Amino acid sequence: MSKLRISIIIPAYNEERYIGPCLDSIAAQTVAPWEVIVVDNNSTDATAAIAKRYPFVTLVQEPRQGKVHARDAGFAAARGTILARIDADVVIPRGWVAYVAEFYRQPANAEVGLSGGGKPNNLRAARLMCWLQSQIAFRINRLLLGHYIFFGSNMALPRSLWLRVRHNLCQRTDIHEDLDLAIHAHRAGYAIAYHEQFRVVGRAARVISARNELLGNLMLWPRTLRVHGLRAWPFGWLGAVMLYALSPIPLAMEKISRWSGKPPLDS
């Protein structure tokens, strides 16, 4: 860890509305990352043009469509000892890179993956939504799998972990690529740490607001478990159905926020 270098990888597809604030939050970090790689995955909007405005960004093009391919291209291009990944529609707190650096300065964490959750910035009762997200994404998956998972919007891992598992990873676009990575990392003997205080801020309702797309997205969860031969996949299916049934609640809360004119994010 004496040569700690943090690379931030950001897969992006048609993120012109969000990539600017995301990169602004990286520019405002108390500790600068060693490099920032934005992977343009065939965007048809101004995503790539906006990313090019930032002198610290390396832009990589990935013609194969799908987040798994964009992630792989970014990780392959990265030269850091720590590969940190976020989504293009999140904003990271000013101390986010410093948190990752401090975690990996501890010798016990040299071969450990790090993951954290997200806080929605477009829903009221954000604390409640953040808590629910952590229970579902991390606690329930840990119960089903026996280990924590990687959360694609907010994660970091040692380069050695990536090099160990990259050739075994699934290249399917119909499963959760971050969950696939976590399963293979665990099977290769690596631990994944979940820190509740390690958070990013993002838009939770981008999928929730399109319910016709939500069910398909939720079903990626049990499918990923089943693809990997995990007998717990029916519980993932049940959880996906329950989440779909409850999805009108946060959507209604978002609409109430807009109608009331009150700020959607509570402190």
Protein backbone atom coordinates (compact mmCIF):
# COMPACT_ATOMS: atom_id res chain seq x y z
CA MET A 1 0.00 0.00 0.00
CA SER A 2 3.05 2.31 0.00
CA LYS A 3 2.28 2.94 -3.70
CA LEU A 4 -1.46 3.42 -3.30
CA ARG A 5 -2.99 4.74 -6.53
CA ILE A 6 -6.75 5.07 -6.84
CA SER A 7 -8.37 4.85 -10.27
CA ILE A 8 -12.03 5.86 -10.58
CA ILE A 9 -13.90 4.10 -13.40
CA ILE A 10 -17.26 5.46 -14.60
CA PRO A 11 -19.29 3.51 -17.19
CA ALA A 12 -21.56 5.95 -19.04
CA TYR A 13 -24.35 5.66 -21.56
CA ASN A 14 -26.37 8.79 -22.45
CA GLU A 15 -25.63 10.52 -19.15
CA GLU A 16 -25.35 14.13 -20.36
CA ARG A 17 -27.66 15.34 -17.57
CA TYR A 18 -25.60 13.75 -14.80
CA ILE A 19 -21.98 13.25 -15.87
CA GLY A 20 -21.07 16.92 -15.25
CA PRO A 21 -22.15 17.00 -11.57
CA CYS A 22 -20.52 13.60 -11.10
CA LEU A 23 -17.16 14.82 -12.40
CA ASP A 24 -17.52 18.11 -10.49
CA SER A 25 -17.79 16.10 -7.28
CA ILE A 26 -14.57 14.28 -8.16
CA ALA A 27 -12.82 17.59 -8.84
CA ALA A 28 -13.88 18.78 -5.38
CA GLN A 29 -12.34 15.84 -3.48
CA THR A 30 -10.11 16.56 -0.50
CA VAL A 31 -7.76 13.89 -1.87
CA ALA A 32 -7.48 13.66 -5.65
CA PRO A 33 -7.69 10.23 -7.31
CA TRP A 34 -4.70 9.09 -9.31
CA GLU A 35 -6.80 8.89 -12.49
CA VAL A 36 -10.41 9.09 -13.65
CA ILE A 37 -11.64 6.97 -16.57
CA VAL A 38 -15.01 7.58 -18.22
CA VAL A 39 -16.09 4.75 -20.49
CA ASP A 40 -18.43 5.98 -23.20
CA ASN A 41 -20.65 3.02 -24.10
CA ASN A 42 -22.03 4.25 -27.46
CA SER A 43 -23.72 7.37 -26.11
CA THR A 44 -25.81 9.28 -28.64
CA ASP A 45 -25.94 12.48 -26.58
CA ALA A 46 -23.26 14.87 -25.27
CA THR A 47 -21.88 12.53 -22.59
CA ALA A 48 -18.46 12.14 -24.23
CA ALA A 49 -18.20 15.84 -25.11
CA ILE A 50 -18.90 16.86 -21.52
CA ALA A 51 -16.39 14.36 -20.13
CA LYS A 52 -13.70 15.74 -22.45
CA ARG A 53 -14.03 19.17 -20.82
CA TYR A 54 -12.40 17.84 -17.65
CA PRO A 55 -8.61 17.72 -17.97
CA PHE A 56 -8.24 14.93 -15.40
CA VAL A 57 -10.53 12.55 -17.35
CA THR A 58 -9.34 9.80 -19.67
CA LEU A 59 -12.12 8.93 -22.12
CA VAL A 60 -12.35 5.31 -23.27
CA GLN A 61 -14.73 4.08 -25.98
CA GLU A 62 -16.42 0.68 -25.65
CA PRO A 63 -18.47 -0.42 -28.68
CA ARG A 64 -19.94 -3.54 -27.07
CA GLN A 65 -23.19 -2.42 -25.50
CA GLY A 66 -23.76 -3.22 -21.84
CA LYS A 67 -22.51 -2.12 -18.45
CA VAL A 68 -20.46 -5.28 -18.01
CA HIS A 69 -18.48 -4.48 -21.16
CA ALA A 70 -18.04 -0.83 -20.18
CA ARG A 71 -16.83 -1.87 -16.73
CA ASP A 72 -14.34 -4.35 -18.18
CA ALA A 73 -12.99 -1.76 -20.61
CA GLY A 74 -12.52 0.75 -17.81
CA PHE A 75 -10.84 -1.72 -15.49
CA ALA A 76 -8.56 -2.90 -18.29
CA ALA A 77 -7.50 0.68 -19.04
CA ALA A 78 -6.94 1.60 -15.39
CA ARG A 79 -3.38 1.69 -14.07
CA GLY A 80 -4.12 2.16 -10.39
CA THR A 81 -3.53 -0.28 -7.56
CA ILE A 82 -7.11 0.32 -6.35
CA LEU A 83 -10.00 0.25 -8.83
CA ALA A 84 -12.92 2.34 -7.60
CA ARG A 85 -16.15 2.29 -9.56
CA ILE A 86 -19.14 4.61 -9.48
CA ASP A 87 -22.07 5.27 -11.79
CA ALA A 88 -22.26 8.39 -13.95
CA ASP A 89 -25.41 9.65 -12.24
CA VAL A 90 -24.04 9.82 -8.69
CA VAL A 91 -22.28 12.54 -6.73
CA ILE A 92 -19.59 11.50 -4.28
CA PRO A 93 -19.00 13.31 -0.96
CA ARG A 94 -15.84 15.43 -0.71
CA GLY A 95 -14.10 12.84 1.44
CA TRP A 96 -14.98 9.81 -0.69
CA VAL A 97 -11.52 9.25 -2.20
CA ALA A 98 -9.90 9.91 1.17
CA TYR A 99 -12.15 7.23 2.70
CA VAL A 100 -11.08 4.69 0.09
CA ALA A 101 -7.43 5.61 0.60
CA GLU A 102 -7.67 5.27 4.38
CA PHE A 103 -9.37 1.88 4.06
CA TYR A 104 -6.61 0.51 1.85
CA ARG A 105 -3.79 2.00 3.91
CA GLN A 106 -4.68 -0.59 6.53
CA PRO A 107 -2.62 -3.73 5.83
CA ALA A 108 -5.52 -6.00 6.81
CA ASN A 109 -7.56 -4.60 3.90
CA ALA A 110 -4.97 -5.07 1.17
CA GLU A 111 -6.95 -7.93 -0.40
CA VAL A 112 -10.49 -6.89 0.59
CA GLY A 113 -13.22 -5.36 -1.57
CA LEU A 114 -15.10 -2.31 -0.27
CA SER A 115 -18.72 -1.47 -0.93
CA GLY A 116 -21.23 1.10 0.29
CA GLY A 117 -24.74 2.25 -0.47
CA GLY A 118 -26.41 5.31 -1.89
CA LYS A 119 -28.67 8.08 -0.70
CA PRO A 120 -31.44 9.30 -3.06
CA ASN A 121 -31.50 13.01 -3.81
CA ASN A 122 -34.91 13.05 -5.49
CA LEU A 123 -37.15 11.48 -2.85
CA ARG A 124 -38.49 12.68 0.46
CA ALA A 125 -37.68 10.59 3.55
CA ALA A 126 -34.22 10.00 2.12
CA ARG A 127 -32.96 8.55 5.39
CA LEU A 128 -35.69 5.93 5.34
CA MET A 129 -35.03 5.11 1.68
CA CYS A 130 -31.30 4.84 2.36
CA TRP A 131 -31.96 2.44 5.22
CA LEU A 132 -34.30 0.31 3.12
CA GLN A 133 -31.79 0.17 0.29
CA SER A 134 -29.04 -1.01 2.62
CA GLN A 135 -31.27 -3.69 4.14
CA ILE A 136 -32.30 -5.06 0.76
CA ALA A 137 -29.06 -4.74 -1.20
CA PHE A 138 -26.64 -5.69 1.54
CA ARG A 139 -28.30 -7.37 4.52
CA ILE A 140 -30.66 -9.63 2.59
CA ASN A 141 -28.06 -10.55 -0.01
CA ARG A 142 -25.62 -11.37 2.77
CA LEU A 143 -28.25 -13.62 4.31
CA LEU A 144 -28.84 -15.36 0.98
CA LEU A 145 -25.21 -15.57 -0.16
CA GLY A 146 -23.25 -15.70 3.06
CA HIS A 147 -21.23 -12.60 2.14
CA TYR A 148 -21.65 -8.94 1.25
CA ILE A 149 -21.95 -7.83 -2.35
CA PHE A 150 -20.42 -5.14 -4.54
CA PHE A 151 -22.73 -2.21 -5.28
CA GLY A 152 -21.86 -0.96 -8.76
CA SER A 153 -22.61 2.67 -7.96
CA ASN A 154 -20.19 2.71 -5.03
CA MET A 155 -17.35 0.22 -4.73
CA ALA A 156 -13.61 -0.31 -4.73
CA LEU A 157 -11.35 -3.31 -4.99
CA PRO A 158 -7.64 -4.09 -5.21
CA ARG A 159 -6.30 -4.55 -8.70
CA SER A 160 -5.04 -7.98 -7.67
CA LEU A 161 -8.63 -9.10 -7.02
CA TRP A 162 -9.71 -7.99 -10.48
CA LEU A 163 -6.78 -9.73 -12.18
CA ARG A 164 -7.61 -12.92 -10.29
CA VAL A 165 -11.28 -13.16 -11.30
CA ARG A 166 -11.65 -11.21 -14.57
CA HIS A 167 -11.43 -14.25 -16.87
CA ASN A 168 -14.09 -16.12 -14.89
CA LEU A 169 -16.70 -13.37 -14.90
CA CYS A 170 -19.95 -13.73 -16.81
CA GLN A 171 -20.27 -11.54 -19.89
CA ARG A 172 -24.05 -11.64 -19.90
CA THR A 173 -26.02 -8.41 -20.01
CA ASP A 174 -29.14 -9.98 -18.48
CA ILE A 175 -27.72 -10.33 -14.96
CA HIS A 176 -26.32 -7.92 -12.36
CA GLU A 177 -22.64 -7.59 -13.28
CA ASP A 178 -21.71 -6.20 -9.86
CA LEU A 179 -23.38 -9.14 -8.09
CA ASP A 180 -21.62 -11.51 -10.50
CA LEU A 181 -18.29 -9.90 -9.60
CA ALA A 182 -19.02 -10.27 -5.88
CA ILE A 183 -19.90 -13.95 -6.22
CA HIS A 184 -16.72 -14.72 -8.16
CA ALA A 185 -14.60 -12.69 -5.73
CA HIS A 186 -16.01 -14.65 -2.79
CA ARG A 187 -15.43 -17.96 -4.54
CA ALA A 188 -11.83 -16.92 -5.19
CA GLY A 189 -11.34 -16.39 -1.45
CA TYR A 190 -11.67 -12.60 -1.24
CA ALA A 191 -13.71 -10.83 1.43
CA ILE A 192 -16.02 -7.87 0.76
CA ALA A 193 -16.53 -5.24 3.43
CA TYR A 194 -19.73 -3.19 3.59
CA HIS A 195 -19.47 0.20 5.31
CA GLU A 196 -22.84 1.81 5.90
CA GLN A 197 -21.29 5.29 6.23
CA PHE A 198 -19.55 4.95 2.85
CA ARG A 199 -22.23 6.47 0.61
CA VAL A 200 -22.84 8.29 -2.64
CA VAL A 201 -25.80 10.46 -3.62
CA GLY A 202 -27.85 9.53 -6.67
CA ARG A 203 -31.26 9.44 -8.31
CA ALA A 204 -33.16 6.46 -6.91
CA ALA A 205 -36.27 6.96 -9.03
CA ARG A 206 -34.74 6.73 -12.51
CA VAL A 207 -35.91 3.12 -12.71
CA ILE A 208 -38.74 3.40 -10.19
CA SER A 209 -40.45 6.06 -12.30
CA ALA A 210 -40.63 3.65 -15.27
CA ARG A 211 -42.51 0.70 -13.76
CA ASN A 212 -42.64 -1.09 -17.09
CA GLU A 213 -38.84 -1.33 -16.89
CA LEU A 214 -38.63 -1.85 -13.13
CA LEU A 215 -39.83 -5.44 -12.99
CA GLY A 216 -37.33 -6.54 -15.61
CA ASN A 217 -34.55 -4.82 -13.70
CA LEU A 218 -35.59 -6.41 -10.41
CA MET A 219 -35.69 -9.86 -11.97
CA LEU A 220 -31.99 -9.58 -12.76
CA TRP A 221 -31.45 -10.32 -9.05
CA PRO A 222 -32.89 -13.86 -8.89
CA ARG A 223 -31.58 -14.62 -12.39
CA THR A 224 -28.04 -13.78 -11.29
CA LEU A 225 -28.34 -16.09 -8.31
CA ARG A 226 -29.77 -18.89 -10.46
CA VAL A 227 -27.07 -18.54 -13.14
CA HIS A 228 -24.49 -19.14 -10.43
CA GLY A 229 -26.25 -22.24 -9.13
CA LEU A 230 -27.33 -20.66 -5.86
CA ARG A 231 -30.32 -22.39 -4.28
CA ALA A 232 -31.43 -19.13 -2.66
CA TRP A 233 -32.62 -17.73 -6.00
CA PRO A 234 -36.37 -18.28 -5.21
CA PHE A 235 -35.99 -15.92 -2.25
CA GLY A 236 -34.47 -13.36 -4.61
CA TRP A 237 -37.46 -13.81 -6.91
CA LEU A 238 -39.86 -13.30 -4.00
CA GLY A 239 -37.95 -10.19 -2.92
CA ALA A 240 -38.06 -8.78 -6.46
CA VAL A 241 -41.84 -9.26 -6.64
CA MET A 242 -42.32 -7.61 -3.25
CA LEU A 243 -40.18 -4.63 -4.26
CA TYR A 244 -42.17 -4.24 -7.46
CA ALA A 245 -45.41 -4.27 -5.48
CA LEU A 246 -44.06 -1.58 -3.12
CA SER A 247 -42.52 0.59 -5.85
CA PRO A 248 -45.50 2.99 -6.14
CA ILE A 249 -44.74 4.26 -2.63
CA PRO A 250 -41.42 6.05 -3.36
CA LEU A 251 -42.81 7.19 -6.71
CA ALA A 252 -45.79 8.78 -4.95
CA MET A 253 -43.40 10.40 -2.45
CA GLU A 254 -41.43 11.90 -5.33
CA LYS A 255 -44.60 13.33 -6.88
CA ILE A 256 -45.69 14.78 -3.54
CA SER A 257 -42.29 16.46 -3.25
CA ARG A 258 -42.73 18.08 -6.66
CA TRP A 259 -46.29 19.21 -5.94
CA SER A 260 -45.45 20.62 -2.52
CA GLY A 261 -42.38 22.48 -3.77
CA LYS A 262 -40.40 21.23 -0.77
CA PRO A 263 -36.82 20.02 -1.14
CA PRO A 264 -36.87 16.27 -1.83
CA LEU A 265 -33.78 15.44 0.21
CA ASP A 266 -34.00 15.53 3.97
CA SER A 267 -30.88 16.02 6.06
